[in-house]
């Protein structure tokens, strides 16, 4: 009994296995967790001023001023409070757009890749039409047509995330469909539903989830770009994009107004890309070994 217990290897799975095997991923993973926790829980854990409260007598205070850790902007609004409040909106838009792309694009891609034929042709042609437009240009056009709001910005970014997920899911589904174990299951009499549920979907899901962090970074950049141009979420609701737009006029007098959201945006997207790339590489190895 003792020998049997000792012979069992202790193995971790998923994200924890990736982190254990690649120590370099610990730093970006930890930084990403801290950033998300600060944005989501910061306003509830710390006594921060109302992000929309204007106090002209306290305009353009420097960082480390009493009551304003990161200073204030030209209207006397607390920069830290606005940065955390805006970060929640940016993350909400990014994760929502990616979630919709994951569900809709993943289903369409798996269907096209597994069934092939006319279904694949129709879905692939539609995907190519949307993919022919640069993502930011397409989002600009849709946001201009629909008008500025969080919902409309999410829908605009979905026109980038859905085609991206369709291509990824389709490519992986085709690769797995032609693998030996799927062919053997079909020859053994397994129906389409069983093959999809048992073999295709679980492996494709790993690649789609890994790509999600990379896509979230792109979605946040698109949202920030739209807000910076005045086509995203409108003030007084803050986002990192419209904070950058406000800060560009303050660079000579209060540069921290632009630097704070710029640094948060840079660190968030950088760490999303680093962790996402690590997960994607690991998922690709699993699909390739299938």
C-alpha atoms as a PDB file:
ATOM      1  CA  UNK A   1       0.000   0.000   0.000  1.00  0.00           C
ATOM      2  CA  UNK A   2       2.798   2.367   0.919  1.00  0.00           C
ATOM      3  CA  UNK A   3       4.599   1.615  -2.371  1.00  0.00           C
ATOM      4  CA  UNK A   4       1.442   2.352  -4.370  1.00  0.00           C
ATOM      5  CA  UNK A   5       1.009   5.734  -2.715  1.00  0.00           C
ATOM      6  CA  UNK A   6       4.618   6.702  -3.302  1.00  0.00           C
ATOM      7  CA  UNK A   7       4.394   5.641  -6.968  1.00  0.00           C
ATOM      8  CA  UNK A   8       1.568   8.038  -7.759  1.00  0.00           C
ATOM      9  CA  UNK A   9       3.040  11.193  -9.357  1.00  0.00           C
ATOM     10  CA  UNK A  10       1.808  14.513  -8.112  1.00  0.00           C
ATOM     11  CA  UNK A  11       0.773  16.415 -11.202  1.00  0.00           C
ATOM     12  CA  UNK A  12      -0.861  19.787 -11.513  1.00  0.00           C
ATOM     13  CA  UNK A  13      -3.026  20.695 -14.459  1.00  0.00           C
ATOM     14  CA  UNK A  14      -4.109  23.679 -16.454  1.00  0.00           C
ATOM     15  CA  UNK A  15      -2.763  27.088 -15.613  1.00  0.00           C
ATOM     16  CA  UNK A  16      -0.949  25.864 -12.489  1.00  0.00           C
ATOM     17  CA  UNK A  17       0.999  23.290 -14.513  1.00  0.00           C
ATOM     18  CA  UNK A  18       2.013  25.946 -17.021  1.00  0.00           C
ATOM     19  CA  UNK A  19       3.188  28.253 -14.226  1.00  0.00           C
ATOM     20  CA  UNK A  20       5.107  25.464 -12.515  1.00  0.00           C
ATOM     21  CA  UNK A  21       6.901  24.593 -15.762  1.00  0.00           C
ATOM     22  CA  UNK A  22       7.596  28.173 -16.799  1.00  0.00           C
ATOM     23  CA  UNK A  23       8.700  30.312 -13.876  1.00  0.00           C
ATOM     24  CA  UNK A  24       8.982  33.357 -16.146  1.00  0.00           C
ATOM     25  CA  UNK A  25       5.166  33.390 -16.365  1.00  0.00           C
ATOM     26  CA  UNK A  26       4.792  33.939 -12.630  1.00  0.00           C
ATOM     27  CA  UNK A  27       5.574  37.655 -12.841  1.00  0.00           C
ATOM     28  CA  UNK A  28       3.085  38.609 -15.590  1.00  0.00           C
ATOM     29  CA  UNK A  29       0.434  36.317 -14.098  1.00  0.00           C
ATOM     30  CA  UNK A  30       0.817  37.874 -10.650  1.00  0.00           C
ATOM     31  CA  UNK A  31       0.890  41.399 -12.079  1.00  0.00           C
ATOM     32  CA  UNK A  32      -2.276  40.714 -14.092  1.00  0.00           C
ATOM     33  CA  UNK A  33      -4.109  39.386 -11.036  1.00  0.00           C
ATOM     34  CA  UNK A  34      -3.075  42.413  -8.975  1.00  0.00           C
ATOM     35  CA  UNK A  35      -4.187  44.825 -11.700  1.00  0.00           C
ATOM     36  CA  UNK A  36      -7.586  43.201 -12.043  1.00  0.00           C
ATOM     37  CA  UNK A  37      -8.099  43.071  -8.277  1.00  0.00           C
ATOM     38  CA  UNK A  38      -7.084  46.719  -7.923  1.00  0.00           C
ATOM     39  CA  UNK A  39      -9.494  47.805 -10.652  1.00  0.00           C
ATOM     40  CA  UNK A  40     -12.405  45.672  -9.447  1.00  0.00           C
ATOM     41  CA  UNK A  41     -12.015  45.863  -5.670  1.00  0.00           C
ATOM     42  CA  UNK A  42      -9.946  49.021  -5.165  1.00  0.00           C
ATOM     43  CA  UNK A  43     -12.876  51.465  -4.901  1.00  0.00           C
ATOM     44  CA  UNK A  44     -14.534  49.218  -2.296  1.00  0.00           C
ATOM     45  CA  UNK A  45     -11.420  48.573  -0.219  1.00  0.00           C
ATOM     46  CA  UNK A  46     -10.125  52.138  -0.070  1.00  0.00           C
ATOM     47  CA  UNK A  47     -11.838  55.405   0.760  1.00  0.00           C
ATOM     48  CA  UNK A  48     -11.495  57.083  -2.631  1.00  0.00           C
ATOM     49  CA  UNK A  49     -13.252  60.270  -3.755  1.00  0.00           C
ATOM     50  CA  UNK A  50     -16.165  60.111  -6.181  1.00  0.00           C
ATOM     51  CA  UNK A  51     -14.552  59.787  -9.651  1.00  0.00           C
ATOM     52  CA  UNK A  52     -17.003  62.336 -11.093  1.00  0.00           C
ATOM     53  CA  UNK A  53     -16.752  64.933  -8.304  1.00  0.00           C
ATOM     54  CA  UNK A  54     -15.274  68.197  -9.551  1.00  0.00           C
ATOM     55  CA  UNK A  55     -13.393  70.512  -7.190  1.00  0.00           C
ATOM     56  CA  UNK A  56     -11.862  73.357  -9.186  1.00  0.00           C
ATOM     57  CA  UNK A  57      -9.980  74.617  -6.129  1.00  0.00           C
ATOM     58  CA  UNK A  58      -8.001  71.332  -6.222  1.00  0.00           C
ATOM     59  CA  UNK A  59      -7.385  71.264  -9.977  1.00  0.00           C
ATOM     60  CA  UNK A  60      -4.093  69.813 -11.279  1.00  0.00           C
ATOM     61  CA  UNK A  61      -2.741  68.710  -7.919  1.00  0.00           C
ATOM     62  CA  UNK A  62       0.491  66.753  -8.219  1.00  0.00           C
ATOM     63  CA  UNK A  63       0.750  63.080  -7.228  1.00  0.00           C
ATOM     64  CA  UNK A  64       1.171  62.382  -3.487  1.00  0.00           C
ATOM     65  CA  UNK A  65      -0.958  65.411  -2.615  1.00  0.00           C
ATOM     66  CA  UNK A  66      -3.010  65.050   0.601  1.00  0.00           C
ATOM     67  CA  UNK A  67      -6.147  63.072  -0.174  1.00  0.00           C
ATOM     68  CA  UNK A  68      -5.123  62.483  -3.799  1.00  0.00           C
ATOM     69  CA  UNK A  69      -2.465  59.797  -4.132  1.00  0.00           C
ATOM     70  CA  UNK A  70      -2.070  60.249  -7.902  1.00  0.00           C
ATOM     71  CA  UNK A  71      -3.129  63.883  -8.059  1.00  0.00           C
ATOM     72  CA  UNK A  72      -6.107  65.472  -9.807  1.00  0.00           C
ATOM     73  CA  UNK A  73      -6.995  66.523 -13.345  1.00  0.00           C
ATOM     74  CA  UNK A  74      -7.937  69.927 -14.758  1.00  0.00           C
ATOM     75  CA  UNK A  75     -11.397  69.764 -13.183  1.00  0.00           C
ATOM     76  CA  UNK A  76     -10.165  68.675  -9.775  1.00  0.00           C
ATOM     77  CA  UNK A  77     -11.246  65.048 -10.170  1.00  0.00           C
ATOM     78  CA  UNK A  78      -9.187  62.381  -8.421  1.00  0.00           C
ATOM     79  CA  UNK A  79      -6.987  60.638 -11.004  1.00  0.00           C
ATOM     80  CA  UNK A  80      -6.647  57.354  -9.089  1.00  0.00           C
ATOM     81  CA  UNK A  81     -10.391  57.076  -8.550  1.00  0.00           C
ATOM     82  CA  UNK A  82     -11.091  57.799 -12.217  1.00  0.00           C
ATOM     83  CA  UNK A  83      -8.393  55.377 -13.377  1.00  0.00           C
ATOM     84  CA  UNK A  84      -9.853  52.500 -11.342  1.00  0.00           C
ATOM     85  CA  UNK A  85     -13.405  53.377 -12.369  1.00  0.00           C
ATOM     86  CA  UNK A  86     -12.362  53.627 -16.017  1.00  0.00           C
ATOM     87  CA  UNK A  87     -10.438  50.371 -15.769  1.00  0.00           C
ATOM     88  CA  UNK A  88     -13.605  48.513 -14.789  1.00  0.00           C
ATOM     89  CA  UNK A  89     -15.335  49.793 -17.915  1.00  0.00           C
ATOM     90  CA  UNK A  90     -12.374  48.919 -20.147  1.00  0.00           C
ATOM     91  CA  UNK A  91     -12.112  45.404 -18.690  1.00  0.00           C
ATOM     92  CA  UNK A  92     -15.891  44.914 -18.897  1.00  0.00           C
ATOM     93  CA  UNK A  93     -15.897  45.866 -22.578  1.00  0.00           C
ATOM     94  CA  UNK A  94     -12.858  43.707 -23.316  1.00  0.00           C
ATOM     95  CA  UNK A  95     -14.065  40.575 -21.541  1.00  0.00           C
ATOM     96  CA  UNK A  96     -17.648  40.951 -22.833  1.00  0.00           C
ATOM     97  CA  UNK A  97     -16.556  41.278 -26.455  1.00  0.00           C
ATOM     98  CA  UNK A  98     -14.242  38.288 -26.105  1.00  0.00           C
ATOM     99  CA  UNK A  99     -16.937  36.192 -24.383  1.00  0.00           C
ATOM    100  CA  UNK A 100     -19.369  36.833 -27.232  1.00  0.00           C
ATOM    101  CA  UNK A 101     -16.654  36.090 -29.787  1.00  0.00           C
ATOM    102  CA  UNK A 102     -15.767  32.898 -27.918  1.00  0.00           C
ATOM    103  CA  UNK A 103     -19.339  31.588 -27.908  1.00  0.00           C
ATOM    104  CA  UNK A 104     -20.512  32.692 -31.358  1.00  0.00           C
ATOM    105  CA  UNK A 105     -17.206  32.375 -33.203  1.00  0.00           C
ATOM    106  CA  UNK A 106     -16.293  29.118 -31.472  1.00  0.00           C
ATOM    107  CA  UNK A 107     -19.597  27.457 -32.387  1.00  0.00           C
ATOM    108  CA  UNK A 108     -19.440  28.634 -35.993  1.00  0.00           C
ATOM    109  CA  UNK A 109     -15.779  27.642 -36.358  1.00  0.00           C
ATOM    110  CA  UNK A 110     -16.218  24.139 -34.929  1.00  0.00           C
ATOM    111  CA  UNK A 111     -19.308  23.603 -37.095  1.00  0.00           C
ATOM    112  CA  UNK A 112     -17.497  24.755 -40.236  1.00  0.00           C
ATOM    113  CA  UNK A 113     -14.335  22.784 -39.540  1.00  0.00           C
ATOM    114  CA  UNK A 114     -16.042  19.530 -38.592  1.00  0.00           C
ATOM    115  CA  UNK A 115     -18.863  19.410 -41.129  1.00  0.00           C
ATOM    116  CA  UNK A 116     -17.005  20.960 -44.071  1.00  0.00           C
ATOM    117  CA  UNK A 117     -18.740  21.200 -47.452  1.00  0.00           C
ATOM    118  CA  UNK A 118     -21.238  23.994 -48.113  1.00  0.00           C
ATOM    119  CA  UNK A 119     -21.548  24.861 -44.416  1.00  0.00           C
ATOM    120  CA  UNK A 120     -17.811  25.484 -44.229  1.00  0.00           C
ATOM    121  CA  UNK A 121     -17.864  27.475 -47.464  1.00  0.00           C
ATOM    122  CA  UNK A 122     -20.646  29.823 -46.331  1.00  0.00           C
ATOM    123  CA  UNK A 123     -19.164  30.459 -42.857  1.00  0.00           C
ATOM    124  CA  UNK A 124     -15.655  30.915 -44.271  1.00  0.00           C
ATOM    125  CA  UNK A 125     -16.804  33.448 -46.891  1.00  0.00           C
ATOM    126  CA  UNK A 126     -18.672  35.507 -44.295  1.00  0.00           C
ATOM    127  CA  UNK A 127     -15.637  35.418 -42.034  1.00  0.00           C
ATOM    128  CA  UNK A 128     -13.376  36.572 -44.864  1.00  0.00           C
ATOM    129  CA  UNK A 129     -15.658  39.528 -45.585  1.00  0.00           C
ATOM    130  CA  UNK A 130     -15.413  40.810 -42.007  1.00  0.00           C
ATOM    131  CA  UNK A 131     -11.712  39.993 -41.797  1.00  0.00           C
ATOM    132  CA  UNK A 132     -10.991  42.026 -44.940  1.00  0.00           C
ATOM    133  CA  UNK A 133     -11.502  45.253 -42.980  1.00  0.00           C
ATOM    134  CA  UNK A 134      -8.900  46.412 -40.428  1.00  0.00           C
ATOM    135  CA  UNK A 135     -10.378  45.787 -36.975  1.00  0.00           C
ATOM    136  CA  UNK A 136     -10.089  49.381 -35.756  1.00  0.00           C
ATOM    137  CA  UNK A 137     -11.537  50.855 -38.977  1.00  0.00           C
ATOM    138  CA  UNK A 138     -14.481  48.462 -38.851  1.00  0.00           C
ATOM    139  CA  UNK A 139     -15.081  49.226 -35.174  1.00  0.00           C
ATOM    140  CA  UNK A 140     -14.906  52.966 -35.918  1.00  0.00           C
ATOM    141  CA  UNK A 141     -17.547  52.655 -38.631  1.00  0.00           C
ATOM    142  CA  UNK A 142     -19.898  50.562 -36.505  1.00  0.00           C
ATOM    143  CA  UNK A 143     -19.450  52.727 -33.389  1.00  0.00           C
ATOM    144  CA  UNK A 144     -20.155  55.857 -35.444  1.00  0.00           C
ATOM    145  CA  UNK A 145     -23.318  54.309 -36.876  1.00  0.00           C
ATOM    146  CA  UNK A 146     -24.646  52.896 -33.584  1.00  0.00           C
ATOM    147  CA  UNK A 147     -23.626  55.789 -31.332  1.00  0.00           C
ATOM    148  CA  UNK A 148     -21.517  55.920 -28.139  1.00  0.00           C
ATOM    149  CA  UNK A 149     -22.450  53.471 -25.369  1.00  0.00           C
ATOM    150  CA  UNK A 150     -20.896  50.475 -23.643  1.00  0.00           C
ATOM    151  CA  UNK A 151     -23.250  48.059 -25.404  1.00  0.00           C
ATOM    152  CA  UNK A 152     -22.556  49.498 -28.848  1.00  0.00           C
ATOM    153  CA  UNK A 153     -18.799  49.457 -28.285  1.00  0.00           C
ATOM    154  CA  UNK A 154     -19.000  45.772 -27.311  1.00  0.00           C
ATOM    155  CA  UNK A 155     -20.984  45.016 -30.478  1.00  0.00           C
ATOM    156  CA  UNK A 156     -18.472  46.946 -32.585  1.00  0.00           C
ATOM    157  CA  UNK A 157     -15.511  45.025 -31.140  1.00  0.00           C
ATOM    158  CA  UNK A 158     -17.372  41.724 -31.635  1.00  0.00           C
ATOM    159  CA  UNK A 159     -16.984  42.262 -35.384  1.00  0.00           C
ATOM    160  CA  UNK A 160     -13.275  41.624 -34.740  1.00  0.00           C
ATOM    161  CA  UNK A 161     -13.451  38.917 -32.072  1.00  0.00           C
ATOM    162  CA  UNK A 162     -16.070  36.695 -33.750  1.00  0.00           C
ATOM    163  CA  UNK A 163     -14.186  36.247 -37.076  1.00  0.00           C
ATOM    164  CA  UNK A 164     -10.918  35.687 -35.188  1.00  0.00           C
ATOM    165  CA  UNK A 165     -12.493  32.918 -33.122  1.00  0.00           C
ATOM    166  CA  UNK A 166     -14.148  31.393 -36.209  1.00  0.00           C
ATOM    167  CA  UNK A 167     -10.774  31.063 -37.948  1.00  0.00           C
ATOM    168  CA  UNK A 168      -9.057  29.624 -34.869  1.00  0.00           C
ATOM    169  CA  UNK A 169     -11.833  27.146 -34.040  1.00  0.00           C
ATOM    170  CA  UNK A 170     -12.170  26.057 -37.677  1.00  0.00           C
ATOM    171  CA  UNK A 171      -8.429  25.435 -38.101  1.00  0.00           C
ATOM    172  CA  UNK A 172      -8.216  23.375 -34.907  1.00  0.00           C
ATOM    173  CA  UNK A 173     -11.405  21.452 -35.688  1.00  0.00           C
ATOM    174  CA  UNK A 174     -10.062  20.460 -39.118  1.00  0.00           C
ATOM    175  CA  UNK A 175      -6.748  19.371 -37.597  1.00  0.00           C
ATOM    176  CA  UNK A 176      -8.438  17.275 -34.913  1.00  0.00           C
ATOM    177  CA  UNK A 177     -11.077  15.893 -37.327  1.00  0.00           C
ATOM    178  CA  UNK A 178      -8.303  14.346 -39.437  1.00  0.00           C
ATOM    179  CA  UNK A 179      -6.435  12.863 -36.465  1.00  0.00           C
ATOM    180  CA  UNK A 180      -6.178   9.097 -36.052  1.00  0.00           C
ATOM    181  CA  UNK A 181      -8.304   8.783 -32.922  1.00  0.00           C
ATOM    182  CA  UNK A 182     -11.234  10.707 -34.466  1.00  0.00           C
ATOM    183  CA  UNK A 183     -11.070   8.628 -37.651  1.00  0.00           C
ATOM    184  CA  UNK A 184     -10.978   5.471 -35.526  1.00  0.00           C
ATOM    185  CA  UNK A 185     -14.011   6.637 -33.522  1.00  0.00           C
ATOM    186  CA  UNK A 186     -15.941   7.277 -36.759  1.00  0.00           C
ATOM    187  CA  UNK A 187     -15.042   3.845 -38.116  1.00  0.00           C
ATOM    188  CA  UNK A 188     -16.193   2.319 -34.846  1.00  0.00           C
ATOM    189  CA  UNK A 189     -19.653   3.816 -35.413  1.00  0.00           C
ATOM    190  CA  UNK A 190     -19.516   6.979 -33.275  1.00  0.00           C
ATOM    191  CA  UNK A 191     -22.093   9.538 -34.408  1.00  0.00           C
ATOM    192  CA  UNK A 192     -21.390  13.208 -35.103  1.00  0.00           C
ATOM    193  CA  UNK A 193     -22.745  14.439 -31.767  1.00  0.00           C
ATOM    194  CA  UNK A 194     -20.603  12.003 -29.770  1.00  0.00           C
ATOM    195  CA  UNK A 195     -17.463  12.819 -31.765  1.00  0.00           C
ATOM    196  CA  UNK A 196     -17.966  16.548 -31.306  1.00  0.00           C
ATOM    197  CA  UNK A 197     -18.711  16.299 -27.589  1.00  0.00           C
ATOM    198  CA  UNK A 198     -16.061  13.722 -26.739  1.00  0.00           C
ATOM    199  CA  UNK A 199     -13.148  14.576 -29.016  1.00  0.00           C
ATOM    200  CA  UNK A 200     -13.432  17.810 -30.999  1.00  0.00           C
ATOM    201  CA  UNK A 201     -14.859  20.359 -28.560  1.00  0.00           C
ATOM    202  CA  UNK A 202     -12.630  19.626 -25.505  1.00  0.00           C
ATOM    203  CA  UNK A 203      -9.403  20.089 -27.482  1.00  0.00           C
ATOM    204  CA  UNK A 204     -10.651  23.122 -29.420  1.00  0.00           C
ATOM    205  CA  UNK A 205     -11.792  24.746 -26.173  1.00  0.00           C
ATOM    206  CA  UNK A 206      -8.235  24.773 -24.839  1.00  0.00           C
ATOM    207  CA  UNK A 207      -7.011  26.818 -27.803  1.00  0.00           C
ATOM    208  CA  UNK A 208     -10.007  29.161 -27.667  1.00  0.00           C
ATOM    209  CA  UNK A 209      -9.584  29.845 -23.946  1.00  0.00           C
ATOM    210  CA  UNK A 210      -5.860  30.447 -24.358  1.00  0.00           C
ATOM    211  CA  UNK A 211      -6.517  32.892 -27.190  1.00  0.00           C
ATOM    212  CA  UNK A 212      -9.045  34.716 -24.994  1.00  0.00           C
ATOM    213  CA  UNK A 213      -6.392  36.659 -23.061  1.00  0.00           C
ATOM    214  CA  UNK A 214      -4.696  37.800 -26.264  1.00  0.00           C
ATOM    215  CA  UNK A 215      -8.054  38.841 -27.718  1.00  0.00           C
ATOM    216  CA  UNK A 216      -8.965  40.691 -24.504  1.00  0.00           C
ATOM    217  CA  UNK A 217      -5.834  42.814 -24.788  1.00  0.00           C
ATOM    218  CA  UNK A 218      -6.717  43.707 -28.384  1.00  0.00           C
ATOM    219  CA  UNK A 219     -10.327  44.487 -27.418  1.00  0.00           C
ATOM    220  CA  UNK A 220      -9.198  46.828 -24.623  1.00  0.00           C
ATOM    221  CA  UNK A 221      -6.904  48.668 -27.044  1.00  0.00           C
ATOM    222  CA  UNK A 222      -9.753  49.064 -29.552  1.00  0.00           C
ATOM    223  CA  UNK A 223     -12.102  50.344 -26.843  1.00  0.00           C
ATOM    224  CA  UNK A 224      -9.482  52.806 -25.605  1.00  0.00           C
ATOM    225  CA  UNK A 225      -8.857  54.008 -29.154  1.00  0.00           C
ATOM    226  CA  UNK A 226     -12.565  54.586 -29.765  1.00  0.00           C
ATOM    227  CA  UNK A 227     -12.974  56.420 -26.455  1.00  0.00           C
ATOM    228  CA  UNK A 228      -9.872  58.508 -27.162  1.00  0.00           C
ATOM    229  CA  UNK A 229     -11.418  59.587 -30.475  1.00  0.00           C
ATOM    230  CA  UNK A 230     -14.745  60.426 -28.814  1.00  0.00           C
ATOM    231  CA  UNK A 231     -16.610  57.482 -30.358  1.00  0.00           C
ATOM    232  CA  UNK A 232     -16.569  55.254 -27.278  1.00  0.00           C
ATOM    233  CA  UNK A 233     -17.934  55.710 -23.786  1.00  0.00           C
ATOM    234  CA  UNK A 234     -18.687  59.392 -23.252  1.00  0.00           C
ATOM    235  CA  UNK A 235     -17.783  61.470 -20.164  1.00  0.00           C
ATOM    236  CA  UNK A 236     -18.519  61.851 -17.323  1.00  0.00           C
ATOM    237  CA  UNK A 237     -18.082  58.056 -17.281  1.00  0.00           C
ATOM    238  CA  UNK A 238     -14.343  57.509 -17.359  1.00  0.00           C
ATOM    239  CA  UNK A 239     -12.402  54.943 -19.354  1.00  0.00           C
ATOM    240  CA  UNK A 240      -8.682  54.768 -19.950  1.00  0.00           C
ATOM    241  CA  UNK A 241      -9.281  56.023 -23.481  1.00  0.00           C
ATOM    242  CA  UNK A 242     -11.163  59.205 -22.642  1.00  0.00           C
ATOM    243  CA  UNK A 243      -8.792  59.865 -19.727  1.00  0.00           C
ATOM    244  CA  UNK A 244      -5.961  59.847 -22.274  1.00  0.00           C
ATOM    245  CA  UNK A 245      -7.977  62.248 -24.426  1.00  0.00           C
ATOM    246  CA  UNK A 246      -8.403  64.588 -21.434  1.00  0.00           C
ATOM    247  CA  UNK A 247      -4.753  64.232 -20.488  1.00  0.00           C
ATOM    248  CA  UNK A 248      -3.360  65.215 -23.885  1.00  0.00           C
ATOM    249  CA  UNK A 249      -4.426  68.815 -23.225  1.00  0.00           C
ATOM    250  CA  UNK A 250      -2.821  68.717 -19.767  1.00  0.00           C
ATOM    251  CA  UNK A 251       0.632  67.441 -20.734  1.00  0.00           C
ATOM    252  CA  UNK A 252       2.313  70.783 -20.154  1.00  0.00           C
ATOM    253  CA  UNK A 253       0.687  71.443 -16.764  1.00  0.00           C
ATOM    254  CA  UNK A 254      -0.285  68.051 -15.302  1.00  0.00           C
ATOM    255  CA  UNK A 255       1.314  65.232 -17.293  1.00  0.00           C
ATOM    256  CA  UNK A 256       0.254  62.643 -14.705  1.00  0.00           C
ATOM    257  CA  UNK A 257      -3.341  62.956 -15.959  1.00  0.00           C
ATOM    258  CA  UNK A 258      -2.300  61.168 -19.167  1.00  0.00           C
ATOM    259  CA  UNK A 259       0.531  59.032 -17.794  1.00  0.00           C
ATOM    260  CA  UNK A 260      -1.557  57.174 -15.181  1.00  0.00           C
ATOM    261  CA  UNK A 261      -4.135  55.658 -17.590  1.00  0.00           C
ATOM    262  CA  UNK A 262      -1.417  55.130 -20.212  1.00  0.00           C
ATOM    263  CA  UNK A 263       0.707  53.103 -17.776  1.00  0.00           C
ATOM    264  CA  UNK A 264      -2.285  51.066 -16.570  1.00  0.00           C
ATOM    265  CA  UNK A 265      -3.350  50.359 -20.147  1.00  0.00           C
ATOM    266  CA  UNK A 266       0.195  49.364 -21.130  1.00  0.00           C
ATOM    267  CA  UNK A 267       0.703  47.049 -18.144  1.00  0.00           C
ATOM    268  CA  UNK A 268      -2.705  45.399 -18.542  1.00  0.00           C
ATOM    269  CA  UNK A 269      -2.312  44.676 -22.254  1.00  0.00           C
ATOM    270  CA  UNK A 270       1.325  43.602 -21.852  1.00  0.00           C
ATOM    271  CA  UNK A 271       0.552  41.074 -19.124  1.00  0.00           C
ATOM    272  CA  UNK A 272      -2.551  39.802 -20.932  1.00  0.00           C
ATOM    273  CA  UNK A 273      -0.386  39.151 -23.989  1.00  0.00           C
ATOM    274  CA  UNK A 274       2.423  37.483 -22.031  1.00  0.00           C
ATOM    275  CA  UNK A 275       0.126  35.127 -20.130  1.00  0.00           C
ATOM    276  CA  UNK A 276      -2.065  34.515 -23.180  1.00  0.00           C
ATOM    277  CA  UNK A 277       0.933  33.652 -25.344  1.00  0.00           C
ATOM    278  CA  UNK A 278       2.143  31.146 -22.752  1.00  0.00           C
ATOM    279  CA  UNK A 279      -1.269  29.474 -22.581  1.00  0.00           C
ATOM    280  CA  UNK A 280      -1.621  29.495 -26.372  1.00  0.00           C
ATOM    281  CA  UNK A 281       1.743  27.802 -26.863  1.00  0.00           C
ATOM    282  CA  UNK A 282       0.803  25.101 -24.375  1.00  0.00           C
ATOM    283  CA  UNK A 283      -2.624  24.570 -25.998  1.00  0.00           C
ATOM    284  CA  UNK A 284      -1.077  24.337 -29.481  1.00  0.00           C
ATOM    285  CA  UNK A 285       1.249  21.591 -28.286  1.00  0.00           C
ATOM    286  CA  UNK A 286      -1.721  19.592 -27.007  1.00  0.00           C
ATOM    287  CA  UNK A 287      -3.676  20.003 -30.237  1.00  0.00           C
ATOM    288  CA  UNK A 288      -0.597  19.140 -32.289  1.00  0.00           C
ATOM    289  CA  UNK A 289      -0.066  15.975 -30.262  1.00  0.00           C
ATOM    290  CA  UNK A 290      -3.684  14.881 -30.806  1.00  0.00           C
END
